[in-house]
Amino acid sequence: MELRTERLDLRHPVPEDCDQLFAIFNDPKGWLYEPESRHLERPVTEGFITRAAARWVNDGLSYWTARLIGSDQIIGIGGVQRHSSGHWNLSYRLGTEQQGHGYAAELGRAGIQAAQQADPEAAVIAWINETNLPSRRVAERLGLILRGTFIDQNDGKPRMALTDRVVELPAV
């Protein structure tokens, strides 16, 4: 599923996207709130792309690469992907120079709509580091509601969970 929003061209990630995505995932300015998750080596980004592509096959939906319409430059990656809990994980990672222009909300809105079409019974959850107020504001702008801090089952870390509905989540 490729998609166009008002300003973004959203495509399946492919191996040829790795150089541009690695630049985004490796930029220390993009990891102020969770520096330990920064990609320090290109193979980490290659693995991320491989897993995202596999989710398209397995779940029919995954993260997109985001380009401005009419450009081949990748400005970010995101959308929704099936979480280990069965819910949809909402994510938006943009290059630092693209932050603050509303692209994260545009990407997130497309992801939520796609999740509701693919499996409307599954909740959409944005797992956000407690200090990452910009990401929290985006999730709230998208209509997600802060439910508290819980354990993110994908990596066992405590994070704020903002969801589109009430769901049972593992307590801290």
Foldseek 3Di string as FASTA:
>chain_A
DWDDDPWKTWAQQDQVCQVLALVQLQDCVQQPQPNVRRDPDSVVSVVVSVVQNVQCVVQVDGKTFIDTPPDPRTFWIWAWGQAPVRATEGDIGGRPVPPPPCVSLRRHLVNVVVCCVRPVVHKYKYWAAPVPVVVVVSLVVSVWAFPDWAQRVVVRDITTITINDDDDGHHD
